[in-house]
Structure formats: C-alpha cells, structure tokens
Amino acid sequence: AKVIEAVKKSVPEMESLVHRGRGWAKIISDSGSTQAVIT
C-alpha cells in the first residue's frame, strides 16, 4: 500500500494500477502431482 501511494504521488497522470496476488501450489491427485502458479 505504501508503494502504491508513492507511485500515485510520483505519477499523477497514471490512469490505473493493478495489484496482483501470486503464489505457488502443489496440486495432488491419486495418479500424480504438479506445481502450479496461482495468480
């Protein structure tokens, strides 16, 4: 939130900003597993 406020002050002409959440997950089933990116 502090970074967003600093950007808004530094770039007043900015029209939009997107905050994205990202993470990793391990998906497991009876037959196998895989790593996945969650966004």
PDB file of all heavy atoms in Angstrom:
ATOM      1  N   ALA A   1       0.836  -1.209   0.000  1.00  0.00           N
ATOM      2  CA  ALA A   1       0.000   0.000   0.000  1.00  0.00           C
ATOM      3  C   ALA A   1       0.869   1.257   0.000  1.00  0.00           C
ATOM      4  O   ALA A   1       0.532   2.248  -0.653  1.00  0.00           O
ATOM      5  CB  ALA A   1      -0.944  -0.007   1.186  1.00  0.00           C
ATOM      6  N   LYS A   2       2.004   1.219   0.702  1.00  0.00           N
ATOM      7  CA  LYS A   2       2.922   2.354   0.722  1.00  0.00           C
ATOM      8  C   LYS A   2       3.548   2.562  -0.658  1.00  0.00           C
ATOM      9  O   LYS A   2       3.743   3.694  -1.083  1.00  0.00           O
ATOM     10  CB  LYS A   2       4.015   2.146   1.769  1.00  0.00           C
ATOM     11  CG  LYS A   2       3.502   2.219   3.192  1.00  0.00           C
ATOM     12  CD  LYS A   2       4.631   2.004   4.179  1.00  0.00           C
ATOM     13  CE  LYS A   2       4.134   2.061   5.615  1.00  0.00           C
ATOM     14  NZ  LYS A   2       5.216   1.824   6.581  1.00  0.00           N
ATOM     15  N   VAL A   3       3.850   1.466  -1.346  1.00  0.00           N
ATOM     16  CA  VAL A   3       4.409   1.561  -2.698  1.00  0.00           C
ATOM     17  C   VAL A   3       3.382   2.179  -3.641  1.00  0.00           C
ATOM     18  O   VAL A   3       3.696   3.061  -4.449  1.00  0.00           O
ATOM     19  CB  VAL A   3       4.853   0.176  -3.206  1.00  0.00           C
ATOM     20  CG1 VAL A   3       5.331   0.247  -4.646  1.00  0.00           C
ATOM     21  CG2 VAL A   3       5.937  -0.407  -2.310  1.00  0.00           C
ATOM     22  N   ILE A   4       2.130   1.738  -3.540  1.00  0.00           N
ATOM     23  CA  ILE A   4       1.066   2.275  -4.387  1.00  0.00           C
ATOM     24  C   ILE A   4       0.900   3.768  -4.163  1.00  0.00           C
ATOM     25  O   ILE A   4       0.780   4.543  -5.111  1.00  0.00           O
ATOM     26  CB  ILE A   4      -0.259   1.518  -4.145  1.00  0.00           C
ATOM     27  CG1 ILE A   4      -0.140   0.086  -4.679  1.00  0.00           C
ATOM     28  CG2 ILE A   4      -1.436   2.244  -4.795  1.00  0.00           C
ATOM     29  CD1 ILE A   4      -1.297  -0.818  -4.319  1.00  0.00           C
ATOM     30  N   GLU A   5       0.900   4.218  -2.923  1.00  0.00           N
ATOM     31  CA  GLU A   5       0.768   5.647  -2.617  1.00  0.00           C
ATOM     32  C   GLU A   5       1.937   6.441  -3.181  1.00  0.00           C
ATOM     33  O   GLU A   5       1.757   7.530  -3.718  1.00  0.00           O
ATOM     34  CB  GLU A   5       0.619   5.867  -1.114  1.00  0.00           C
ATOM     35  CG  GLU A   5      -0.724   5.423  -0.571  1.00  0.00           C
ATOM     36  CD  GLU A   5      -1.902   6.048  -1.309  1.00  0.00           C
ATOM     37  OE1 GLU A   5      -1.911   7.276  -1.530  1.00  0.00           O
ATOM     38  OE2 GLU A   5      -2.812   5.284  -1.707  1.00  0.00           O
ATOM     39  N   ALA A   6       3.149   5.902  -3.067  1.00  0.00           N
ATOM     40  CA  ALA A   6       4.329   6.591  -3.609  1.00  0.00           C
ATOM     41  C   ALA A   6       4.237   6.706  -5.132  1.00  0.00           C
ATOM     42  O   ALA A   6       4.567   7.756  -5.701  1.00  0.00           O
ATOM     43  CB  ALA A   6       5.605   5.839  -3.214  1.00  0.00           C
ATOM     44  N   VAL A   7       3.755   5.665  -5.793  1.00  0.00           N
ATOM     45  CA  VAL A   7       3.607   5.705  -7.254  1.00  0.00           C
ATOM     46  C   VAL A   7       2.546   6.729  -7.647  1.00  0.00           C
ATOM     47  O   VAL A   7       2.734   7.501  -8.587  1.00  0.00           O
ATOM     48  CB  VAL A   7       3.266   4.305  -7.815  1.00  0.00           C
ATOM     49  CG1 VAL A   7       2.886   4.374  -9.282  1.00  0.00           C
ATOM     50  CG2 VAL A   7       4.426   3.348  -7.606  1.00  0.00           C
ATOM     51  N   LYS A   8       1.427   6.751  -6.936  1.00  0.00           N
ATOM     52  CA  LYS A   8       0.363   7.728  -7.239  1.00  0.00           C
ATOM     53  C   LYS A   8       0.871   9.164  -7.124  1.00  0.00           C
ATOM     54  O   LYS A   8       0.519  10.012  -7.939  1.00  0.00           O
ATOM     55  CB  LYS A   8      -0.830   7.523  -6.300  1.00  0.00           C
ATOM     56  CG  LYS A   8      -1.655   6.303  -6.628  1.00  0.00           C
ATOM     57  CD  LYS A   8      -2.805   6.163  -5.642  1.00  0.00           C
ATOM     58  CE  LYS A   8      -3.658   4.951  -5.938  1.00  0.00           C
ATOM     59  NZ  LYS A   8      -4.751   4.800  -4.956  1.00  0.00           N
ATOM     60  N   LYS A   9       1.711   9.430  -6.123  1.00  0.00           N
ATOM     61  CA  LYS A   9       2.272  10.771  -5.957  1.00  0.00           C
ATOM     62  C   LYS A   9       3.300  11.091  -7.045  1.00  0.00           C
ATOM     63  O   LYS A   9       3.367  12.216  -7.529  1.00  0.00           O
ATOM     64  CB  LYS A   9       2.917  10.903  -4.575  1.00  0.00           C
ATOM     65  CG  LYS A   9       1.916  10.956  -3.448  1.00  0.00           C
ATOM     66  CD  LYS A   9       2.611  11.038  -2.103  1.00  0.00           C
ATOM     67  CE  LYS A   9       1.591  10.995  -0.975  1.00  0.00           C
ATOM     68  NZ  LYS A   9       2.235  10.953   0.342  1.00  0.00           N
ATOM     69  N   SER A  10       4.094  10.086  -7.418  1.00  0.00           N
ATOM     70  CA  SER A  10       5.152  10.301  -8.401  1.00  0.00           C
ATOM     71  C   SER A  10       4.646  10.345  -9.836  1.00  0.00           C
ATOM     72  O   SER A  10       5.267  10.958 -10.695  1.00  0.00           O
ATOM     73  CB  SER A  10       6.196   9.185  -8.297  1.00  0.00           C
ATOM     74  OG  SER A  10       6.804   9.213  -7.035  1.00  0.00           O
ATOM     75  N   VAL A  11       3.515   9.680 -10.091  1.00  0.00           N
ATOM     76  CA  VAL A  11       2.981   9.588 -11.455  1.00  0.00           C
ATOM     77  C   VAL A  11       1.504  10.001 -11.433  1.00  0.00           C
ATOM     78  O   VAL A  11       0.602   9.176 -11.561  1.00  0.00           O
ATOM     79  CB  VAL A  11       3.132   8.155 -12.021  1.00  0.00           C
ATOM     80  CG1 VAL A  11       2.789   8.105 -13.497  1.00  0.00           C
ATOM     81  CG2 VAL A  11       4.525   7.611 -11.782  1.00  0.00           C
ATOM     82  N   PRO A  12       1.219  11.295 -11.253  1.00  0.00           N
ATOM     83  CA  PRO A  12      -0.173  11.740 -11.137  1.00  0.00           C
ATOM     84  C   PRO A  12      -1.010  11.501 -12.390  1.00  0.00           C
ATOM     85  O   PRO A  12      -2.233  11.405 -12.305  1.00  0.00           O
ATOM     86  CB  PRO A  12      -0.050  13.230 -10.825  1.00  0.00           C
ATOM     87  CG  PRO A  12       1.310  13.618 -11.284  1.00  0.00           C
ATOM     88  CD  PRO A  12       2.165  12.397 -11.154  1.00  0.00           C
ATOM     89  N   GLU A  13      -0.363  11.352 -13.545  1.00  0.00           N
ATOM     90  CA  GLU A  13      -1.112  11.110 -14.783  1.00  0.00           C
ATOM     91  C   GLU A  13      -1.519   9.641 -14.965  1.00  0.00           C
ATOM     92  O   GLU A  13      -2.220   9.299 -15.911  1.00  0.00           O
ATOM     93  CB  GLU A  13      -0.299  11.580 -15.996  1.00  0.00           C
ATOM     94  CG  GLU A  13       0.958  10.784 -16.277  1.00  0.00           C
ATOM     95  CD  GLU A  13       2.194  11.223 -15.488  1.00  0.00           C
ATOM     96  OE1 GLU A  13       2.076  11.976 -14.505  1.00  0.00           O
ATOM     97  OE2 GLU A  13       3.288  10.811 -15.863  1.00  0.00           O
ATOM     98  N   MET A  14      -1.113   8.773 -14.034  1.00  0.00           N
ATOM     99  CA  MET A  14      -1.450   7.357 -14.118  1.00  0.00           C
ATOM    100  C   MET A  14      -2.965   7.174 -14.098  1.00  0.00           C
ATOM    101  O   MET A  14      -3.660   7.749 -13.270  1.00  0.00           O
ATOM    102  CB  MET A  14      -0.826   6.610 -12.937  1.00  0.00           C
ATOM    103  CG  MET A  14      -1.148   5.139 -12.902  1.00  0.00           C
ATOM    104  SD  MET A  14      -0.314   4.266 -11.551  1.00  0.00           S
ATOM    105  CE  MET A  14      -1.045   5.064 -10.124  1.00  0.00           C
ATOM    106  N   GLU A  15      -3.478   6.382 -15.034  1.00  0.00           N
ATOM    107  CA  GLU A  15      -4.915   6.145 -15.124  1.00  0.00           C
ATOM    108  C   GLU A  15      -5.372   4.944 -14.320  1.00  0.00           C
ATOM    109  O   GLU A  15      -6.510   4.902 -13.859  1.00  0.00           O
ATOM    110  CB  GLU A  15      -5.329   5.975 -16.584  1.00  0.00           C
ATOM    111  CG  GLU A  15      -5.197   7.244 -17.380  1.00  0.00           C
ATOM    112  CD  GLU A  15      -5.714   7.089 -18.794  1.00  0.00           C
ATOM    113  OE1 GLU A  15      -6.365   6.067 -19.091  1.00  0.00           O
ATOM    114  OE2 GLU A  15      -5.467   7.992 -19.596  1.00  0.00           O
ATOM    115  N   SER A  16      -4.527   3.934 -14.173  1.00  0.00           N
ATOM    116  CA  SER A  16      -4.921   2.765 -13.398  1.00  0.00           C
ATOM    117  C   SER A  16      -3.693   2.029 -12.888  1.00  0.00           C
ATOM    118  O   SER A  16      -2.588   2.222 -13.384  1.00  0.00           O
ATOM    119  CB  SER A  16      -5.785   1.816 -14.233  1.00  0.00           C
ATOM    120  OG  SER A  16      -5.021   1.247 -15.268  1.00  0.00           O
ATOM    121  N   LEU A  17      -3.913   1.198 -11.899  1.00  0.00           N
ATOM    122  CA  LEU A  17      -2.871   0.398 -11.289  1.00  0.00           C
ATOM    123  C   LEU A  17      -3.509  -0.923 -10.882  1.00  0.00           C
ATOM    124  O   LEU A  17      -4.626  -0.933 -10.365  1.00  0.00           O
ATOM    125  CB  LEU A  17      -2.321   1.125 -10.064  1.00  0.00           C
ATOM    126  CG  LEU A  17      -1.202   0.435  -9.313  1.00  0.00           C
ATOM    127  CD1 LEU A  17      -0.188   1.469  -8.854  1.00  0.00           C
ATOM    128  CD2 LEU A  17      -1.726  -0.355  -8.156  1.00  0.00           C
ATOM    129  N   VAL A  18      -2.836  -2.022 -11.131  1.00  0.00           N
ATOM    130  CA  VAL A  18      -3.377  -3.337 -10.794  1.00  0.00           C
ATOM    131  C   VAL A  18      -2.475  -4.003  -9.774  1.00  0.00           C
ATOM    132  O   VAL A  18      -1.276  -4.166 -10.008  1.00  0.00           O
ATOM    133  CB  VAL A  18      -3.491  -4.230 -12.051  1.00  0.00           C
ATOM    134  CG1 VAL A  18      -4.004  -5.614 -11.674  1.00  0.00           C
ATOM    135  CG2 VAL A  18      -4.396  -3.597 -13.081  1.00  0.00           C
ATOM    136  N   HIS A  19      -3.046  -4.368  -8.647  1.00  0.00           N
ATOM    137  CA  HIS A  19      -2.324  -5.142  -7.636  1.00  0.00           C
ATOM    138  C   HIS A  19      -2.680  -6.602  -7.880  1.00  0.00           C
ATOM    139  O   HIS A  19      -3.856  -6.977  -7.871  1.00  0.00           O
ATOM    140  CB  HIS A  19      -2.749  -4.707  -6.230  1.00  0.00           C
ATOM    141  CG  HIS A  19      -2.250  -5.630  -5.172  1.00  0.00           C
ATOM    142  ND1 HIS A  19      -3.080  -6.321  -4.347  1.00  0.00           N
ATOM    143  CD2 HIS A  19      -1.004  -5.992  -4.832  1.00  0.00           C
ATOM    144  CE1 HIS A  19      -2.370  -7.080  -3.532  1.00  0.00           C
ATOM    145  NE2 HIS A  19      -1.109  -6.892  -3.807  1.00  0.00           N
ATOM    146  N   ARG A  20      -1.671  -7.426  -8.134  1.00  0.00           N
ATOM    147  CA  ARG A  20      -1.906  -8.839  -8.424  1.00  0.00           C
ATOM    148  C   ARG A  20      -1.302  -9.704  -7.333  1.00  0.00           C
ATOM    149  O   ARG A  20      -0.186  -9.455  -6.891  1.00  0.00           O
ATOM    150  CB  ARG A  20      -1.293  -9.219  -9.768  1.00  0.00           C
ATOM    151  CG  ARG A  20      -1.952  -8.528 -10.914  1.00  0.00           C
ATOM    152  CD  ARG A  20      -1.464  -9.077 -12.235  1.00  0.00           C
ATOM    153  NE  ARG A  20      -2.282  -8.542 -13.309  1.00  0.00           N
ATOM    154  CZ  ARG A  20      -1.818  -7.848 -14.320  1.00  0.00           C
ATOM    155  NH1 ARG A  20      -0.534  -7.609 -14.402  1.00  0.00           N
ATOM    156  NH2 ARG A  20      -2.618  -7.391 -15.253  1.00  0.00           N
ATOM    157  N   GLY A  21      -2.039 -10.706  -6.936  1.00  0.00           N
ATOM    158  CA  GLY A  21      -1.530 -11.688  -5.984  1.00  0.00           C
ATOM    159  C   GLY A  21      -1.005 -12.895  -6.738  1.00  0.00           C
ATOM    160  O   GLY A  21      -1.612 -13.335  -7.712  1.00  0.00           O
ATOM    161  N   ARG A  22       0.138 -13.415  -6.320  1.00  0.00           N
ATOM    162  CA  ARG A  22       0.727 -14.581  -6.981  1.00  0.00           C
ATOM    163  C   ARG A  22       1.246 -15.548  -5.942  1.00  0.00           C
ATOM    164  O   ARG A  22       1.656 -15.159  -4.863  1.00  0.00           O
ATOM    165  CB  ARG A  22       1.878 -14.153  -7.891  1.00  0.00           C
ATOM    166  CG  ARG A  22       1.422 -13.329  -9.050  1.00  0.00           C
ATOM    167  CD  ARG A  22       2.528 -13.094 -10.038  1.00  0.00           C
ATOM    168  NE  ARG A  22       1.996 -12.349 -11.157  1.00  0.00           N
ATOM    169  CZ  ARG A  22       2.657 -11.433 -11.810  1.00  0.00           C
ATOM    170  NH1 ARG A  22       3.876 -11.139 -11.473  1.00  0.00           N
ATOM    171  NH2 ARG A  22       2.101 -10.797 -12.816  1.00  0.00           N
ATOM    172  N   GLY A  23       1.231 -16.801  -6.299  1.00  0.00           N
ATOM    173  CA  GLY A  23       1.767 -17.813  -5.401  1.00  0.00           C
ATOM    174  C   GLY A  23       1.962 -19.131  -6.116  1.00  0.00           C
ATOM    175  O   GLY A  23       1.644 -19.276  -7.294  1.00  0.00           O
ATOM    176  N   TRP A  24       2.503 -20.098  -5.397  1.00  0.00           N
ATOM    177  CA  TRP A  24       2.725 -21.442  -5.924  1.00  0.00           C
ATOM    178  C   TRP A  24       1.853 -22.417  -5.165  1.00  0.00           C
ATOM    179  O   TRP A  24       1.580 -22.241  -3.990  1.00  0.00           O
ATOM    180  CB  TRP A  24       4.184 -21.863  -5.746  1.00  0.00           C
ATOM    181  CG  TRP A  24       5.118 -21.221  -6.711  1.00  0.00           C
ATOM    182  CD1 TRP A  24       5.901 -20.127  -6.472  1.00  0.00           C
ATOM    183  CD2 TRP A  24       5.364 -21.602  -8.052  1.00  0.00           C
ATOM    184  NE1 TRP A  24       6.607 -19.813  -7.598  1.00  0.00           N
ATOM    185  CE2 TRP A  24       6.306 -20.710  -8.585  1.00  0.00           C
ATOM    186  CE3 TRP A  24       4.887 -22.622  -8.875  1.00  0.00           C
ATOM    187  CZ2 TRP A  24       6.784 -20.798  -9.879  1.00  0.00           C
ATOM    188  CZ3 TRP A  24       5.365 -22.704 -10.162  1.00  0.00           C
ATOM    189  CH2 TRP A  24       6.303 -21.806 -10.655  1.00  0.00           C
ATOM    190  N   ALA A  25       1.427 -23.461  -5.848  1.00  0.00           N
ATOM    191  CA  ALA A  25       0.661 -24.517  -5.201  1.00  0.00           C
ATOM    192  C   ALA A  25       1.091 -25.855  -5.762  1.00  0.00           C
ATOM    193  O   ALA A  25       1.526 -25.954  -6.908  1.00  0.00           O
ATOM    194  CB  ALA A  25      -0.828 -24.321  -5.446  1.00  0.00           C
ATOM    195  N   LYS A  26       0.984 -26.886  -4.954  1.00  0.00           N
ATOM    196  CA  LYS A  26       1.230 -28.242  -5.438  1.00  0.00           C
ATOM    197  C   LYS A  26      -0.127 -28.921  -5.532  1.00  0.00           C
ATOM    198  O   LYS A  26      -0.839 -29.039  -4.538  1.00  0.00           O
ATOM    199  CB  LYS A  26       2.152 -29.011  -4.498  1.00  0.00           C
ATOM    200  CG  LYS A  26       2.562 -30.362  -5.047  1.00  0.00           C
ATOM    201  CD  LYS A  26       3.654 -30.982  -4.201  1.00  0.00           C
ATOM    202  CE  LYS A  26       4.183 -32.214  -4.915  1.00  0.00           C
ATOM    203  NZ  LYS A  26       5.317 -32.776  -4.164  1.00  0.00           N
ATOM    204  N   ILE A  27      -0.485 -29.335  -6.732  1.00  0.00           N
ATOM    205  CA  ILE A  27      -1.765 -29.986  -6.973  1.00  0.00           C
ATOM    206  C   ILE A  27      -1.519 -31.489  -6.960  1.00  0.00           C
ATOM    207  O   ILE A  27      -0.683 -31.997  -7.703  1.00  0.00           O
ATOM    208  CB  ILE A  27      -2.369 -29.539  -8.321  1.00  0.00           C
ATOM    209  CG1 ILE A  27      -2.537 -28.012  -8.313  1.00  0.00           C
ATOM    210  CG2 ILE A  27      -3.681 -30.252  -8.587  1.00  0.00           C
ATOM    211  CD1 ILE A  27      -2.893 -27.425  -9.644  1.00  0.00           C
ATOM    212  N   ILE A  28      -2.259 -32.190  -6.105  1.00  0.00           N
ATOM    213  CA  ILE A  28      -2.031 -33.619  -5.896  1.00  0.00           C
ATOM    214  C   ILE A  28      -3.312 -34.388  -6.197  1.00  0.00           C
ATOM    215  O   ILE A  28      -4.393 -34.006  -5.762  1.00  0.00           O
ATOM    216  CB  ILE A  28      -1.595 -33.899  -4.445  1.00  0.00           C
ATOM    217  CG1 ILE A  28      -0.343 -33.086  -4.113  1.00  0.00           C
ATOM    218  CG2 ILE A  28      -1.362 -35.385  -4.221  1.00  0.00           C
ATOM    219  CD1 ILE A  28       0.026 -33.099  -2.650  1.00  0.00           C
ATOM    220  N   SER A  29      -3.168 -35.494  -6.934  1.00  0.00           N
ATOM    221  CA  SER A  29      -4.303 -36.383  -7.202  1.00  0.00           C
ATOM    222  C   SER A  29      -3.878 -37.820  -6.903  1.00  0.00           C
ATOM    223  O   SER A  29      -2.730 -38.078  -6.524  1.00  0.00           O
ATOM    224  CB  SER A  29      -4.758 -36.268  -8.659  1.00  0.00           C
ATOM    225  OG  SER A  29      -3.822 -36.885  -9.518  1.00  0.00           O
ATOM    226  N   ASP A  30      -4.771 -38.754  -7.122  1.00  0.00           N
ATOM    227  CA  ASP A  30      -4.443 -40.167  -6.898  1.00  0.00           C
ATOM    228  C   ASP A  30      -3.362 -40.667  -7.854  1.00  0.00           C
ATOM    229  O   ASP A  30      -2.629 -41.596  -7.537  1.00  0.00           O
ATOM    230  CB  ASP A  30      -5.694 -41.040  -7.063  1.00  0.00           C
ATOM    231  CG  ASP A  30      -6.712 -40.818  -5.959  1.00  0.00           C
ATOM    232  OD1 ASP A  30      -6.316 -40.319  -4.886  1.00  0.00           O
ATOM    233  OD2 ASP A  30      -7.893 -41.136  -6.176  1.00  0.00           O
ATOM    234  N   SER A  31      -3.262 -40.029  -9.029  1.00  0.00           N
ATOM    235  CA  SER A  31      -2.324 -40.526 -10.034  1.00  0.00           C
ATOM    236  C   SER A  31      -1.057 -39.688 -10.198  1.00  0.00           C
ATOM    237  O   SER A  31      -0.174 -40.063 -10.957  1.00  0.00           O
ATOM    238  CB  SER A  31      -3.039 -40.618 -11.395  1.00  0.00           C
ATOM    239  OG  SER A  31      -3.496 -39.339 -11.781  1.00  0.00           O
ATOM    240  N   GLY A  32      -0.935 -38.564  -9.517  1.00  0.00           N
ATOM    241  CA  GLY A  32       0.275 -37.762  -9.656  1.00  0.00           C
ATOM    242  C   GLY A  32       0.144 -36.391  -9.027  1.00  0.00           C
ATOM    243  O   GLY A  32      -0.833 -36.093  -8.337  1.00  0.00           O
ATOM    244  N   SER A  33       1.146 -35.558  -9.280  1.00  0.00           N
ATOM    245  CA  SER A  33       1.125 -34.197  -8.738  1.00  0.00           C
ATOM    246  C   SER A  33       1.849 -33.268  -9.702  1.00  0.00           C
ATOM    247  O   SER A  33       2.620 -33.704 -10.549  1.00  0.00           O
ATOM    248  CB  SER A  33       1.778 -34.154  -7.359  1.00  0.00           C
ATOM    249  OG  SER A  33       3.148 -34.448  -7.458  1.00  0.00           O
ATOM    250  N   THR A  34       1.588 -31.983  -9.556  1.00  0.00           N
ATOM    251  CA  THR A  34       2.249 -30.973 -10.383  1.00  0.00           C
ATOM    252  C   THR A  34       2.307 -29.656  -9.611  1.00  0.00           C
ATOM    253  O   THR A  34       1.536 -29.451  -8.676  1.00  0.00           O
ATOM    254  CB  THR A  34       1.502 -30.785 -11.724  1.00  0.00           C
ATOM    255  OG1 THR A  34       2.296 -29.931 -12.565  1.00  0.00           O
ATOM    256  CG2 THR A  34       0.138 -30.160 -11.537  1.00  0.00           C
ATOM    257  N   GLN A  35       3.242 -28.801  -9.997  1.00  0.00           N
ATOM    258  CA  GLN A  35       3.349 -27.466  -9.429  1.00  0.00           C
ATOM    259  C   GLN A  35       2.532 -26.512 -10.301  1.00  0.00           C
ATOM    260  O   GLN A  35       2.516 -26.653 -11.522  1.00  0.00           O
ATOM    261  CB  GLN A  35       4.801 -27.003  -9.407  1.00  0.00           C
ATOM    262  CG  GLN A  35       5.711 -27.825  -8.544  1.00  0.00           C
ATOM    263  CD  GLN A  35       5.565 -27.505  -7.065  1.00  0.00           C
ATOM    264  OE1 GLN A  35       5.144 -26.428  -6.690  1.00  0.00           O
ATOM    265  NE2 GLN A  35       5.925 -28.450  -6.218  1.00  0.00           N
ATOM    266  N   ALA A  36       1.872 -25.554  -9.690  1.00  0.00           N
ATOM    267  CA  ALA A  36       1.068 -24.599 -10.455  1.00  0.00           C
ATOM    268  C   ALA A  36       1.262 -23.194  -9.915  1.00  0.00           C
ATOM    269  O   ALA A  36       1.452 -22.998  -8.723  1.00  0.00           O
ATOM    270  CB  ALA A  36      -0.410 -24.974 -10.379  1.00  0.00           C
ATOM    271  N   VAL A  37       1.216 -22.220 -10.816  1.00  0.00           N
ATOM    272  CA  VAL A  37       1.258 -20.811 -10.436  1.00  0.00           C
ATOM    273  C   VAL A  37      -0.174 -20.351 -10.224  1.00  0.00           C
ATOM    274  O   VAL A  37      -1.052 -20.629 -11.037  1.00  0.00           O
ATOM    275  CB  VAL A  37       1.909 -19.953 -11.543  1.00  0.00           C
ATOM    276  CG1 VAL A  37       1.872 -18.481 -11.175  1.00  0.00           C
ATOM    277  CG2 VAL A  37       3.327 -20.410 -11.790  1.00  0.00           C
ATOM    278  N   ILE A  38      -0.421 -19.655  -9.134  1.00  0.00           N
ATOM    279  CA  ILE A  38      -1.743 -19.098  -8.851  1.00  0.00           C
ATOM    280  C   ILE A  38      -1.615 -17.587  -8.951  1.00  0.00           C
ATOM    281  O   ILE A  38      -0.769 -16.978  -8.296  1.00  0.00           O
ATOM    282  CB  ILE A  38      -2.234 -19.506  -7.455  1.00  0.00           C
ATOM    283  CG1 ILE A  38      -2.321 -21.023  -7.360  1.00  0.00           C
ATOM    284  CG2 ILE A  38      -3.569 -18.852  -7.150  1.00  0.00           C
ATOM    285  CD1 ILE A  38      -2.602 -21.526  -5.973  1.00  0.00           C
ATOM    286  N   THR A  39      -2.420 -16.974  -9.798  1.00  0.00           N
ATOM    287  CA  THR A  39      -2.404 -15.531  -9.985  1.00  0.00           C
ATOM    288  C   THR A  39      -3.820 -15.016  -9.860  1.00  0.00           C
ATOM    289  O   THR A  39      -4.751 -15.643 -10.345  1.00  0.00           O
ATOM    290  CB  THR A  39      -1.852 -15.162 -11.378  1.00  0.00           C
ATOM    291  OG1 THR A  39      -0.558 -15.737 -11.518  1.00  0.00           O
ATOM    292  CG2 THR A  39      -1.763 -13.674 -11.565  1.00  0.00           C
TER     293      THR A  39
END
